Protein backbone atom coordinates (compact mmCIF):
# COMPACT_ATOMS: atom_id res chain seq x y z
CA MET A 1 0.00 0.00 0.00
CA ALA A 2 1.34 3.42 -0.93
CA LYS A 3 2.43 5.69 1.89
CA LYS A 4 0.22 8.70 2.41
CA ALA A 5 2.04 11.93 1.60
CA ILE A 6 2.67 14.25 4.53
CA SER A 7 2.50 17.99 4.63
CA GLY A 8 3.87 20.66 6.93
CA THR A 9 2.33 20.78 10.40
CA SER A 10 0.81 23.60 12.49
CA LEU A 11 0.30 25.91 9.50
CA ALA A 12 -0.08 24.88 5.87
CA ARG A 13 2.76 25.93 3.62
CA ASP A 14 0.41 27.40 1.02
CA THR A 15 -0.79 29.95 3.58
CA LEU A 16 2.64 31.03 4.77
CA SER A 17 2.29 34.38 3.03
CA LYS A 18 -0.68 35.09 5.32
CA ILE A 19 1.05 34.15 8.57
CA GLU A 20 0.62 36.46 11.47
CA PHE A 21 3.88 36.13 13.34
CA ALA A 22 2.54 37.02 16.80
CA PRO A 23 1.47 33.41 17.56
CA LEU A 24 4.96 32.20 16.71
CA ARG A 25 6.52 34.76 19.02
CA GLU A 26 4.20 33.60 21.80
CA LYS A 27 5.12 30.00 21.04
CA ALA A 28 8.82 30.87 21.32
CA LYS A 29 8.18 32.48 24.72
CA TRP A 30 6.41 29.31 25.84
CA VAL A 31 9.36 27.18 24.70
CA ARG A 32 11.81 29.35 26.63
CA ARG A 33 9.65 29.16 29.73
CA GLU A 34 9.53 25.38 29.46
CA VAL A 35 13.29 25.19 28.98
CA LEU A 36 13.87 27.27 32.10
CA GLU A 37 11.58 25.10 34.21
CA MET A 38 13.03 21.88 32.77
CA CYS A 39 16.54 22.93 33.72
CA LEU A 40 15.51 24.24 37.14
CA ALA A 41 13.79 20.93 37.94
CA ALA A 42 16.86 18.98 36.85
CA GLY A 43 19.45 21.35 38.29
CA ALA A 44 21.26 20.81 35.01
CA GLY A 45 21.15 21.56 31.31
CA HIS A 46 22.19 24.25 28.87
CA ILE A 47 19.73 27.12 29.03
CA ALA A 48 21.57 29.82 27.09
CA PRO A 49 22.40 27.59 24.08
CA ALA A 50 18.77 26.45 23.97
CA PHE A 51 17.45 30.02 24.12
CA SER A 52 19.74 30.99 21.26
CA CYS A 53 18.16 28.57 18.78
CA THR A 54 14.55 28.62 20.03
CA ASP A 55 13.21 30.96 17.35
CA ILE A 56 14.94 29.00 14.60
CA LEU A 57 13.32 25.77 15.79
CA VAL A 58 9.88 27.36 16.07
CA ALA A 59 10.25 28.77 12.55
CA LEU A 60 11.22 25.40 11.10
CA TYR A 61 8.72 23.19 12.89
CA GLN A 62 5.75 25.35 13.77
CA SER A 63 5.29 27.51 10.70
CA GLY A 64 4.89 24.48 8.45
CA ILE A 65 8.32 24.68 6.81
CA MET A 66 9.31 21.12 7.64
CA ARG A 67 7.34 18.10 6.48
CA VAL A 68 6.98 16.00 9.62
CA ASP A 69 4.22 13.92 11.16
CA PRO A 70 4.01 13.51 14.97
CA LYS A 71 1.77 10.45 14.45
CA ASN A 72 4.36 8.80 12.22
CA PRO A 73 7.82 10.13 13.22
CA LYS A 74 9.62 7.68 10.92
CA HIS A 75 7.60 8.41 7.79
CA PRO A 76 10.02 7.73 4.89
CA ASP A 77 9.18 11.00 3.17
CA ARG A 78 9.66 13.19 6.23
CA ASP A 79 12.17 16.00 6.23
CA ARG A 80 15.21 15.25 8.37
CA PHE A 81 16.46 17.61 11.08
CA ILE A 82 19.73 17.23 12.96
CA LEU A 83 20.52 19.39 15.96
CA SER A 84 24.28 19.26 15.64
CA LYS A 85 24.64 21.60 18.63
CA GLY A 86 23.07 18.89 20.75
CA GLN A 87 23.46 20.83 24.00
CA GLY A 88 20.57 23.04 22.88
CA CYS A 89 18.18 20.07 22.88
CA ALA A 90 15.88 21.34 25.65
CA SER A 91 14.28 23.71 23.14
CA LEU A 92 13.97 20.93 20.56
CA TYR A 93 12.29 18.64 23.11
CA ALA A 94 9.82 21.39 24.02
CA VAL A 95 8.95 22.06 20.37
CA LEU A 96 8.50 18.35 19.65
CA ALA A 97 6.33 17.90 22.75
CA ASP A 98 4.14 20.86 21.80
CA MET A 99 3.60 19.29 18.38
CA GLY A 100 2.63 15.92 19.86
CA PHE A 101 5.76 13.83 19.36
CA LEU A 102 5.89 13.21 23.12
CA PRO A 103 3.76 14.17 26.13
CA VAL A 104 4.35 17.72 27.36
CA GLU A 105 4.37 16.54 30.97
CA GLU A 106 7.44 14.42 30.27
CA LEU A 107 9.51 17.54 29.67
CA ARG A 108 9.93 17.97 33.44
CA THR A 109 11.83 14.66 33.56
CA TYR A 110 14.61 16.23 31.45
CA CYS A 111 18.10 15.22 32.66
CA GLN A 112 16.70 13.30 35.61
CA LEU A 113 17.21 9.69 36.64
CA GLY A 114 15.44 7.26 34.34
CA THR A 115 14.43 9.79 31.69
CA TYR A 116 14.96 9.40 27.97
CA LEU A 117 15.32 13.18 27.62
CA GLY A 118 19.06 13.51 28.00
CA GLY A 119 21.17 16.65 28.15
CA HIS A 120 22.20 16.27 24.52
CA SER A 121 19.71 15.29 21.83
CA GLU A 122 19.15 11.55 21.75
CA SER A 123 17.72 9.57 18.87
CA ASN A 124 15.44 7.47 21.09
CA VAL A 125 13.26 10.58 21.52
CA PRO A 126 10.40 10.59 18.97
CA GLY A 127 11.20 13.11 16.25
CA VAL A 128 14.95 13.21 16.94
CA GLU A 129 17.03 11.83 14.08
CA ALA A 130 20.48 11.56 15.62
CA PHE A 131 22.34 11.42 18.92
CA THR A 132 24.40 14.60 18.92
CA GLY A 133 26.45 16.73 21.23
CA SER A 134 29.84 15.36 20.29
CA LEU A 135 30.34 18.53 18.29
CA GLY A 136 31.36 18.55 14.66
CA GLN A 137 29.44 15.44 13.60
CA GLY A 138 26.02 16.71 12.57
CA LEU A 139 26.83 18.09 9.13
CA SER A 140 28.44 14.82 8.07
CA LEU A 141 25.30 12.95 9.09
CA GLY A 142 23.15 15.45 7.25
CA ALA A 143 25.24 15.25 4.10
CA GLY A 144 24.88 11.48 4.12
CA MET A 145 21.11 11.74 4.49
CA ALA A 146 20.92 14.28 1.67
CA LEU A 147 23.04 12.12 -0.62
CA SER A 148 20.89 9.08 0.13
CA ALA A 149 17.81 11.09 -0.83
CA LYS A 150 19.42 11.94 -4.16
CA MET A 151 20.35 8.33 -4.79
CA ASP A 152 16.86 7.08 -3.90
CA ASN A 153 15.04 9.85 -5.81
CA LYS A 154 13.44 11.11 -2.60
CA SER A 155 12.22 14.68 -2.27
CA PHE A 156 12.79 15.24 1.44
CA LEU A 157 15.05 18.03 2.68
CA THR A 158 17.71 17.66 5.35
CA PHE A 159 18.30 20.48 7.82
CA VAL A 160 21.32 20.70 10.12
CA LEU A 161 21.45 23.29 12.90
CA LEU A 162 25.06 24.04 13.80
CA GLY A 163 26.58 25.95 16.67
CA ASP A 164 29.14 28.47 15.50
CA GLY A 165 31.68 27.22 18.04
CA GLU A 166 31.63 23.76 16.46
CA LEU A 167 32.61 25.29 13.11
CA GLN A 168 36.14 25.20 14.51
CA GLU A 169 36.02 21.42 14.01
CA GLY A 170 37.73 20.19 10.87
CA SER A 171 35.04 17.57 10.24
CA ILE A 172 32.54 20.36 9.57
CA TRP A 173 34.56 21.61 6.64
CA GLU A 174 35.17 18.10 5.30
CA ALA A 175 31.39 17.67 5.22
CA ALA A 176 30.96 21.10 3.65
CA MET A 177 33.42 20.18 0.91
CA PHE A 178 31.66 16.84 0.37
CA ALA A 179 28.24 18.49 0.10
CA GLY A 180 29.50 21.13 -2.30
CA HIS A 181 31.19 18.54 -4.48
CA HIS A 182 28.06 16.36 -4.69
CA ARG A 183 25.82 19.39 -5.28
CA LEU A 184 23.50 18.51 -2.42
CA ASN A 185 20.94 21.22 -3.02
CA ASN A 186 18.55 19.32 -0.74
CA LEU A 187 20.77 20.09 2.28
CA VAL A 188 20.37 23.20 4.44
CA ALA A 189 22.92 24.09 7.13
CA ILE A 190 21.73 26.72 9.59
CA VAL A 191 24.45 28.31 11.71
CA ASP A 192 23.34 29.58 15.12
CA ARG A 193 25.71 32.56 14.93
CA ASN A 194 25.68 33.90 18.49
CA LYS A 195 29.48 34.41 18.45
CA LEU A 196 29.93 32.50 21.72
CA GLN A 197 31.21 29.04 22.49
CA ALA A 198 31.42 27.24 25.83
CA ILE A 199 33.90 29.51 27.57
CA ASN A 200 34.87 32.24 25.13
CA PHE A 201 33.83 34.36 22.17
CA THR A 202 34.45 32.60 18.87
CA GLU A 203 36.44 35.45 17.40
CA ASP A 204 38.80 35.44 20.37
CA ALA A 205 39.17 31.65 20.54
CA LEU A 206 39.55 30.90 16.82
CA ARG A 207 37.96 33.45 14.54
CA LEU A 208 35.43 32.39 11.94
CA GLU A 209 34.97 35.53 9.92
CA PRO A 210 34.50 36.07 7.04
CA LEU A 211 32.10 33.18 7.61
CA ASP A 212 29.90 33.75 4.57
CA LEU A 213 32.88 33.71 2.22
CA LYS A 214 34.15 30.47 3.76
CA TRP A 215 30.89 28.68 2.95
CA GLU A 216 30.84 30.14 -0.53
CA ALA A 217 34.39 28.92 -1.12
CA PHE A 218 33.23 25.39 -0.33
CA GLY A 219 30.56 25.57 -3.04
CA TRP A 220 27.52 26.65 -1.01
CA ASP A 221 24.92 29.33 -1.49
CA VAL A 222 24.77 31.59 1.57
CA LYS A 223 22.03 33.68 3.14
CA ILE A 224 22.27 35.81 6.28
CA VAL A 225 19.19 36.31 8.46
CA ASP A 226 18.17 37.57 11.88
CA GLY A 227 17.76 34.32 13.81
CA HIS A 228 15.22 35.88 16.16
CA SER A 229 12.99 37.37 13.47
CA PHE A 230 10.24 35.23 11.99
CA GLU A 231 9.62 37.96 9.44
CA ASP A 232 13.22 37.53 8.27
CA MET A 233 13.55 33.74 8.46
CA ILE A 234 10.25 32.38 7.19
CA PRO A 235 10.13 34.08 3.76
CA LEU A 236 13.54 32.54 3.05
CA LEU A 237 12.72 29.11 4.43
CA LYS A 238 9.40 28.81 2.62
CA GLU A 239 11.18 29.09 -0.74
CA LEU A 240 13.55 26.18 -0.13
CA ARG A 241 11.63 23.61 -2.18
CA SER A 242 11.49 25.86 -5.20
CA ARG A 243 15.07 27.13 -4.90
CA ASN A 244 16.74 27.25 -8.33
CA SER A 245 20.27 26.19 -7.46
CA ASP A 246 22.36 23.04 -7.58
CA LYS A 247 24.28 24.04 -4.43
CA PRO A 248 23.62 23.28 -0.76
CA LEU A 249 22.45 26.27 1.26
CA ALA A 250 24.09 27.74 4.36
CA VAL A 251 21.91 30.08 6.41
CA ILE A 252 23.86 32.20 8.85
CA ALA A 253 21.35 33.13 11.54
CA LYS A 254 22.50 36.02 13.71
CA THR A 255 21.42 35.26 17.26
CA ILE A 256 22.03 36.18 20.88
CA LYS A 257 23.09 33.48 23.30
CA GLY A 258 20.70 33.48 26.25
CA LYS A 259 18.06 35.40 24.27
CA GLY A 260 15.06 36.25 26.43
CA VAL A 261 16.71 36.69 29.83
CA SER A 262 18.73 39.88 30.10
CA PHE A 263 21.40 38.70 32.54
CA MET A 264 22.15 35.62 30.43
CA GLN A 265 22.44 37.38 27.10
CA ASN A 266 25.90 37.39 25.52
CA LYS A 267 27.59 36.17 28.73
CA THR A 268 30.06 33.28 28.52
CA ILE A 269 29.33 32.07 32.05
CA TRP A 270 25.75 31.10 31.16
CA HIS A 271 26.66 28.28 28.78
CA PHE A 272 26.49 25.83 31.70
CA ARG A 273 24.99 27.71 34.63
CA ILE A 274 21.51 27.24 36.10
CA PRO A 275 19.90 30.28 37.79
CA THR A 276 19.61 30.32 41.57
CA GLY A 277 17.94 32.53 44.16
CA GLU A 278 16.83 35.92 42.88
CA GLU A 279 18.04 35.01 39.39
CA VAL A 280 15.17 32.52 39.11
CA ALA A 281 12.57 35.15 39.97
CA GLN A 282 14.05 37.61 37.49
CA ALA A 283 14.24 35.04 34.69
CA ARG A 284 10.64 34.01 35.27
CA LYS A 285 9.54 37.64 35.30
CA GLU A 286 11.29 38.39 32.02
CA LEU A 287 9.79 35.28 30.42
CA GLN A 288 6.36 36.25 31.81
CA ILE A 289 5.89 33.22 34.01
């Protein structure tokens, strides 16, 4: 029996031009609130890296860009998404739960004894394609998936969300060269460009700029967007299936690490830290809890 085709979820792609972005902004606030409470309950996690990519994830999953089906997470025609910066998985878990891939109430088991919601994205979670967090691996996985789609005449797209700190890994650029050589125009790499890595600023540790020219030199098309603006991201993302290019696409999304909580924003110390005391009250206030 033929598999039923799947379409984008939450909002139909053919109505994207009519999207009112306010509901997506509210959804992103909800995701950040959930991430905060998940990490507070666990006493562990990576809040600031998750906040950085929240709007990107909401844009991909909840504006109908990606073809996924919560009722059939392994549908063969689904789009593939790899969170290469696996430490930001709390936001991905929240988005997947909100869409019905897993129960929302299970989010509060994050990083606790016996849970399947680990501190880096794990492929035993419904909707998660790959176990990541050993940085530098995600783009290679994505390139393999995109090549397999070409070989099997499949139309699905593969998205890889990269942290900018992991771009210092040589394996990223091997994968970029591979994808450019094989003209994997069904592969989209999105760089969460917050200019921070675990304990330093990227440009002080090992500078990446000019980042757009680096991707272009490896045979990729490049677009630069505001990674916190749905108005900026969604018009670009909705055109991916009709893109007239034989090159893979790199989207450099300018973001702020810790976005949403003022004392976390653009501070290296908040890569690992969990708020305590008055910090908790302030974070909840700013996220409107």
